[in-house]
Amino acid sequence: MTRAECRWCDADEDLVLIGVIERGSSAAGGIYACGTCRARHRVRPISEVTESGPGRITYHGGMR
């Protein structure tokens, strides 16, 4: 198992999943951010992403 790190600063504490890398029909990995970088880059946890219809996803801040 690989260790998760913040996408920007390589921190390994206070991480939250902010994105998923998909390969084919399955998830291949995740993108994580620490609290400091989430605030600095204005990203939110993927758990706050809402589906807004077929094939559409609305992101509530940050990475698009």
PDB file of N, CA and C in Angstrom:
ATOM      1  N   MET A   1       0.845  -1.182   0.000  1.00  0.00           N
ATOM      2  CA  MET A   1       0.000   0.000   0.000  1.00  0.00           C
ATOM      3  C   MET A   1       0.890   1.245   0.000  1.00  0.00           C
ATOM      4  N   THR A   2       0.575   2.182  -0.873  1.00  0.00           N
ATOM      5  CA  THR A   2       1.356   3.414  -0.933  1.00  0.00           C
ATOM      6  C   THR A   2       0.806   4.438   0.050  1.00  0.00           C
ATOM      7  N   ARG A   3       1.663   5.302   0.467  1.00  0.00           N
ATOM      8  CA  ARG A   3       1.298   6.344   1.427  1.00  0.00           C
ATOM      9  C   ARG A   3       0.683   7.520   0.680  1.00  0.00           C
ATOM     10  N   ALA A   4      -0.419   8.050   1.204  1.00  0.00           N
ATOM     11  CA  ALA A   4      -1.062   9.211   0.594  1.00  0.00           C
ATOM     12  C   ALA A   4      -0.324  10.477   1.017  1.00  0.00           C
ATOM     13  N   GLU A   5      -0.250  11.425   0.088  1.00  0.00           N
ATOM     14  CA  GLU A   5       0.397  12.716   0.345  1.00  0.00           C
ATOM     15  C   GLU A   5      -0.421  13.829  -0.277  1.00  0.00           C
ATOM     16  N   CYS A   6      -0.264  15.031   0.265  1.00  0.00           N
ATOM     17  CA  CYS A   6      -0.909  16.207  -0.296  1.00  0.00           C
ATOM     18  C   CYS A   6      -0.376  16.462  -1.705  1.00  0.00           C
ATOM     19  N   ARG A   7      -1.264  16.809  -2.608  1.00  0.00           N
ATOM     20  CA  ARG A   7      -0.890  17.057  -4.003  1.00  0.00           C
ATOM     21  C   ARG A   7       0.123  18.192  -4.129  1.00  0.00           C
ATOM     22  N   TRP A   8       0.057  19.188  -3.254  1.00  0.00           N
ATOM     23  CA  TRP A   8       0.912  20.365  -3.388  1.00  0.00           C
ATOM     24  C   TRP A   8       2.154  20.342  -2.498  1.00  0.00           C
ATOM     25  N   CYS A   9       2.001  19.968  -1.228  1.00  0.00           N
ATOM     26  CA  CYS A   9       3.129  20.134  -0.301  1.00  0.00           C
ATOM     27  C   CYS A   9       3.700  18.824   0.226  1.00  0.00           C
ATOM     28  N   ASP A  10       3.163  17.696  -0.170  1.00  0.00           N
ATOM     29  CA  ASP A  10       3.625  16.368   0.254  1.00  0.00           C
ATOM     30  C   ASP A  10       3.385  16.059   1.729  1.00  0.00           C
ATOM     31  N   ALA A  11       2.563  16.850   2.420  1.00  0.00           N
ATOM     32  CA  ALA A  11       2.213  16.542   3.812  1.00  0.00           C
ATOM     33  C   ALA A  11       1.467  15.210   3.836  1.00  0.00           C
ATOM     34  N   ASP A  12       1.561  14.511   4.958  1.00  0.00           N
ATOM     35  CA  ASP A  12       0.849  13.237   5.059  1.00  0.00           C
ATOM     36  C   ASP A  12      -0.144  13.213   6.229  1.00  0.00           C
ATOM     37  N   GLU A  13      -0.462  14.380   6.775  1.00  0.00           N
ATOM     38  CA  GLU A  13      -1.454  14.489   7.849  1.00  0.00           C
ATOM     39  C   GLU A  13      -2.575  15.441   7.432  1.00  0.00           C
ATOM     40  N   ASP A  14      -3.747  15.268   8.038  1.00  0.00           N
ATOM     41  CA  ASP A  14      -4.917  16.116   7.767  1.00  0.00           C
ATOM     42  C   ASP A  14      -5.323  16.052   6.298  1.00  0.00           C
ATOM     43  N   LEU A  15      -5.217  14.863   5.686  1.00  0.00           N
ATOM     44  CA  LEU A  15      -5.530  14.713   4.267  1.00  0.00           C
ATOM     45  C   LEU A  15      -7.004  14.412   4.046  1.00  0.00           C
ATOM     46  N   VAL A  16      -7.530  14.953   2.955  1.00  0.00           N
ATOM     47  CA  VAL A  16      -8.896  14.697   2.525  1.00  0.00           C
ATOM     48  C   VAL A  16      -8.845  14.413   1.031  1.00  0.00           C
ATOM     49  N   LEU A  17      -9.635  13.440   0.593  1.00  0.00           N
ATOM     50  CA  LEU A  17      -9.719  13.104  -0.825  1.00  0.00           C
ATOM     51  C   LEU A  17     -10.408  14.241  -1.574  1.00  0.00           C
ATOM     52  N   ILE A  18      -9.730  14.793  -2.600  1.00  0.00           N
ATOM     53  CA  ILE A  18     -10.322  15.901  -3.361  1.00  0.00           C
ATOM     54  C   ILE A  18     -10.564  15.530  -4.819  1.00  0.00           C
ATOM     55  N   GLY A  19     -10.088  14.368  -5.241  1.00  0.00           N
ATOM     56  CA  GLY A  19     -10.287  13.946  -6.618  1.00  0.00           C
ATOM     57  C   GLY A  19      -9.963  12.473  -6.787  1.00  0.00           C
ATOM     58  N   VAL A  20     -10.499  11.880  -7.844  1.00  0.00           N
ATOM     59  CA  VAL A  20     -10.255  10.473  -8.143  1.00  0.00           C
ATOM     60  C   VAL A  20      -9.717  10.366  -9.556  1.00  0.00           C
ATOM     61  N   ILE A  21      -8.675   9.587  -9.704  1.00  0.00           N
ATOM     62  CA  ILE A  21      -8.112   9.321 -11.025  1.00  0.00           C
ATOM     63  C   ILE A  21      -8.740   8.018 -11.498  1.00  0.00           C
ATOM     64  N   GLU A  22      -9.427   8.059 -12.631  1.00  0.00           N
ATOM     65  CA  GLU A  22     -10.091   6.862 -13.136  1.00  0.00           C
ATOM     66  C   GLU A  22      -9.313   6.287 -14.305  1.00  0.00           C
ATOM     67  N   ARG A  23      -9.302   4.969 -14.352  1.00  0.00           N
ATOM     68  CA  ARG A  23      -8.664   4.263 -15.466  1.00  0.00           C
ATOM     69  C   ARG A  23      -9.671   3.227 -15.938  1.00  0.00           C
ATOM     70  N   GLY A  24     -10.198   3.431 -17.121  1.00  0.00           N
ATOM     71  CA  GLY A  24     -11.224   2.522 -17.614  1.00  0.00           C
ATOM     72  C   GLY A  24     -12.483   2.640 -16.779  1.00  0.00           C
ATOM     73  N   SER A  25     -12.955   1.513 -16.291  1.00  0.00           N
ATOM     74  CA  SER A  25     -14.196   1.533 -15.517  1.00  0.00           C
ATOM     75  C   SER A  25     -13.956   1.473 -14.013  1.00  0.00           C
ATOM     76  N   SER A  26     -12.689   1.608 -13.588  1.00  0.00           N
ATOM     77  CA  SER A  26     -12.422   1.559 -12.152  1.00  0.00           C
ATOM     78  C   SER A  26     -11.518   2.706 -11.716  1.00  0.00           C
ATOM     79  N   ALA A  27     -11.547   2.990 -10.430  1.00  0.00           N
ATOM     80  CA  ALA A  27     -10.692   4.047  -9.886  1.00  0.00           C
ATOM     81  C   ALA A  27      -9.254   3.536  -9.810  1.00  0.00           C
ATOM     82  N   ALA A  28      -8.310   4.377 -10.222  1.00  0.00           N
ATOM     83  CA  ALA A  28      -6.900   3.992 -10.206  1.00  0.00           C
ATOM     84  C   ALA A  28      -6.138   4.682  -9.087  1.00  0.00           C
ATOM     85  N   GLY A  29      -6.718   5.687  -8.479  1.00  0.00           N
ATOM     86  CA  GLY A  29      -6.029   6.393  -7.411  1.00  0.00           C
ATOM     87  C   GLY A  29      -6.791   7.626  -6.987  1.00  0.00           C
ATOM     88  N   GLY A  30      -6.253   8.301  -5.985  1.00  0.00           N
ATOM     89  CA  GLY A  30      -6.904   9.489  -5.471  1.00  0.00           C
ATOM     90  C   GLY A  30      -5.951  10.664  -5.396  1.00  0.00           C
ATOM     91  N   ILE A  31      -6.522  11.856  -5.351  1.00  0.00           N
ATOM     92  CA  ILE A  31      -5.757  13.095  -5.175  1.00  0.00           C
ATOM     93  C   ILE A  31      -6.172  13.651  -3.819  1.00  0.00           C
ATOM     94  N   TYR A  32      -5.182  13.921  -2.981  1.00  0.00           N
ATOM     95  CA  TYR A  32      -5.431  14.362  -1.618  1.00  0.00           C
ATOM     96  C   TYR A  32      -4.869  15.756  -1.387  1.00  0.00           C
ATOM     97  N   ALA A  33      -5.447  16.466  -0.425  1.00  0.00           N
ATOM     98  CA  ALA A  33      -4.937  17.789  -0.033  1.00  0.00           C
ATOM     99  C   ALA A  33      -5.019  17.928   1.479  1.00  0.00           C
ATOM    100  N   CYS A  34      -4.008  18.572   2.051  1.00  0.00           N
ATOM    101  CA  CYS A  34      -4.011  18.851   3.491  1.00  0.00           C
ATOM    102  C   CYS A  34      -4.864  20.102   3.740  1.00  0.00           C
ATOM    103  N   GLY A  35      -5.146  20.380   5.000  1.00  0.00           N
ATOM    104  CA  GLY A  35      -5.986  21.520   5.354  1.00  0.00           C
ATOM    105  C   GLY A  35      -5.436  22.849   4.877  1.00  0.00           C
ATOM    106  N   THR A  36      -4.128  23.061   5.024  1.00  0.00           N
ATOM    107  CA  THR A  36      -3.505  24.313   4.601  1.00  0.00           C
ATOM    108  C   THR A  36      -3.653  24.520   3.099  1.00  0.00           C
ATOM    109  N   CYS A  37      -3.365  23.474   2.319  1.00  0.00           N
ATOM    110  CA  CYS A  37      -3.449  23.598   0.858  1.00  0.00           C
ATOM    111  C   CYS A  37      -4.893  23.665   0.374  1.00  0.00           C
ATOM    112  N   ARG A  38      -5.821  23.004   1.075  1.00  0.00           N
ATOM    113  CA  ARG A  38      -7.242  23.139   0.702  1.00  0.00           C
ATOM    114  C   ARG A  38      -7.673  24.581   0.826  1.00  0.00           C
ATOM    115  N   ALA A  39      -7.251  25.258   1.884  1.00  0.00           N
ATOM    116  CA  ALA A  39      -7.601  26.665   2.072  1.00  0.00           C
ATOM    117  C   ALA A  39      -6.898  27.541   1.042  1.00  0.00           C
ATOM    118  N   ARG A  40      -5.626  27.309   0.820  1.00  0.00           N
ATOM    119  CA  ARG A  40      -4.842  28.120  -0.109  1.00  0.00           C
ATOM    120  C   ARG A  40      -5.352  27.992  -1.545  1.00  0.00           C
ATOM    121  N   HIS A  41      -5.708  26.772  -1.973  1.00  0.00           N
ATOM    122  CA  HIS A  41      -6.140  26.539  -3.358  1.00  0.00           C
ATOM    123  C   HIS A  41      -7.660  26.474  -3.497  1.00  0.00           C
ATOM    124  N   ARG A  42      -8.350  26.718  -2.387  1.00  0.00           N
ATOM    125  CA  ARG A  42      -9.810  26.749  -2.352  1.00  0.00           C
ATOM    126  C   ARG A  42     -10.440  25.503  -2.972  1.00  0.00           C
ATOM    127  N   VAL A  43     -10.013  24.334  -2.493  1.00  0.00           N
ATOM    128  CA  VAL A  43     -10.615  23.073  -2.933  1.00  0.00           C
ATOM    129  C   VAL A  43     -11.397  22.471  -1.779  1.00  0.00           C
ATOM    130  N   ARG A  44     -12.362  21.660  -2.118  1.00  0.00           N
ATOM    131  CA  ARG A  44     -13.218  21.021  -1.124  1.00  0.00           C
ATOM    132  C   ARG A  44     -13.122  19.506  -1.279  1.00  0.00           C
ATOM    133  N   PRO A  45     -13.468  18.773  -0.235  1.00  0.00           N
ATOM    134  CA  PRO A  45     -13.454  17.309  -0.309  1.00  0.00           C
ATOM    135  C   PRO A  45     -14.400  16.797  -1.383  1.00  0.00           C
ATOM    136  N   ILE A  46     -14.054  15.678  -1.960  1.00  0.00           N
ATOM    137  CA  ILE A  46     -14.890  15.101  -3.015  1.00  0.00           C
ATOM    138  C   ILE A  46     -16.273  14.740  -2.469  1.00  0.00           C
ATOM    139  N   SER A  47     -16.374  14.542  -1.174  1.00  0.00           N
ATOM    140  CA  SER A  47     -17.672  14.232  -0.567  1.00  0.00           C
ATOM    141  C   SER A  47     -18.654  15.393  -0.696  1.00  0.00           C
ATOM    142  N   GLU A  48     -18.146  16.584  -1.033  1.00  0.00           N
ATOM    143  CA  GLU A  48     -19.019  17.751  -1.213  1.00  0.00           C
ATOM    144  C   GLU A  48     -19.386  17.988  -2.682  1.00  0.00           C
ATOM    145  N   VAL A  49     -19.005  17.055  -3.548  1.00  0.00           N
ATOM    146  CA  VAL A  49     -19.347  17.145  -4.972  1.00  0.00           C
ATOM    147  C   VAL A  49     -20.766  16.604  -5.143  1.00  0.00           C
ATOM    148  N   THR A  50     -21.576  17.317  -5.904  1.00  0.00           N
ATOM    149  CA  THR A  50     -22.962  16.906  -6.099  1.00  0.00           C
ATOM    150  C   THR A  50     -23.209  16.580  -7.553  1.00  0.00           C
ATOM    151  N   GLU A  51     -23.916  15.511  -7.806  1.00  0.00           N
ATOM    152  CA  GLU A  51     -24.295  15.197  -9.181  1.00  0.00           C
ATOM    153  C   GLU A  51     -25.476  16.075  -9.564  1.00  0.00           C
ATOM    154  N   SER A  52     -25.400  16.677 -10.756  1.00  0.00           N
ATOM    155  CA  SER A  52     -26.457  17.603 -11.165  1.00  0.00           C
ATOM    156  C   SER A  52     -27.168  17.135 -12.428  1.00  0.00           C
ATOM    157  N   GLY A  53     -27.186  15.848 -12.674  1.00  0.00           N
ATOM    158  CA  GLY A  53     -27.873  15.318 -13.835  1.00  0.00           C
ATOM    159  C   GLY A  53     -26.996  14.320 -14.559  1.00  0.00           C
ATOM    160  N   PRO A  54     -27.530  13.674 -15.585  1.00  0.00           N
ATOM    161  CA  PRO A  54     -26.793  12.655 -16.326  1.00  0.00           C
ATOM    162  C   PRO A  54     -25.488  13.194 -16.915  1.00  0.00           C
ATOM    163  N   GLY A  55     -24.385  12.600 -16.516  1.00  0.00           N
ATOM    164  CA  GLY A  55     -23.093  12.989 -17.068  1.00  0.00           C
ATOM    165  C   GLY A  55     -22.545  14.314 -16.570  1.00  0.00           C
ATOM    166  N   ARG A  56     -23.225  14.950 -15.625  1.00  0.00           N
ATOM    167  CA  ARG A  56     -22.780  16.255 -15.131  1.00  0.00           C
ATOM    168  C   ARG A  56     -22.430  16.163 -13.656  1.00  0.00           C
ATOM    169  N   ILE A  57     -21.347  16.787 -13.307  1.00  0.00           N
ATOM    170  CA  ILE A  57     -20.976  16.873 -11.898  1.00  0.00           C
ATOM    171  C   ILE A  57     -20.648  18.326 -11.598  1.00  0.00           C
ATOM    172  N   THR A  58     -21.181  18.827 -10.512  1.00  0.00           N
ATOM    173  CA  THR A  58     -20.914  20.185 -10.079  1.00  0.00           C
ATOM    174  C   THR A  58     -19.908  20.131  -8.941  1.00  0.00           C
ATOM    175  N   TYR A  59     -18.783  20.806  -9.104  1.00  0.00           N
ATOM    176  CA  TYR A  59     -17.781  20.869  -8.059  1.00  0.00           C
ATOM    177  C   TYR A  59     -17.989  22.145  -7.273  1.00  0.00           C
ATOM    178  N   HIS A  60     -18.007  22.034  -5.973  1.00  0.00           N
ATOM    179  CA  HIS A  60     -18.232  23.198  -5.120  1.00  0.00           C
ATOM    180  C   HIS A  60     -16.903  23.794  -4.695  1.00  0.00           C
ATOM    181  N   GLY A  61     -16.159  24.327  -5.649  1.00  0.00           N
ATOM    182  CA  GLY A  61     -14.916  25.008  -5.347  1.00  0.00           C
ATOM    183  C   GLY A  61     -13.696  24.281  -5.868  1.00  0.00           C
ATOM    184  N   GLY A  62     -12.696  25.035  -6.229  1.00  0.00           N
ATOM    185  CA  GLY A  62     -11.367  24.516  -6.524  1.00  0.00           C
ATOM    186  C   GLY A  62     -11.194  23.782  -7.833  1.00  0.00           C
ATOM    187  N   MET A  63     -10.609  22.597  -7.757  1.00  0.00           N
ATOM    188  CA  MET A  63     -10.169  21.856  -8.946  1.00  0.00           C
ATOM    189  C   MET A  63     -11.331  21.522  -9.870  1.00  0.00           C
ATOM    190  N   ARG A  64     -11.147  21.853 -11.117  1.00  0.00           N
ATOM    191  CA  ARG A  64     -12.155  21.513 -12.139  1.00  0.00           C
ATOM    192  C   ARG A  64     -11.475  20.865 -13.292  1.00  0.00           C
TER     193      ARG A  64
END
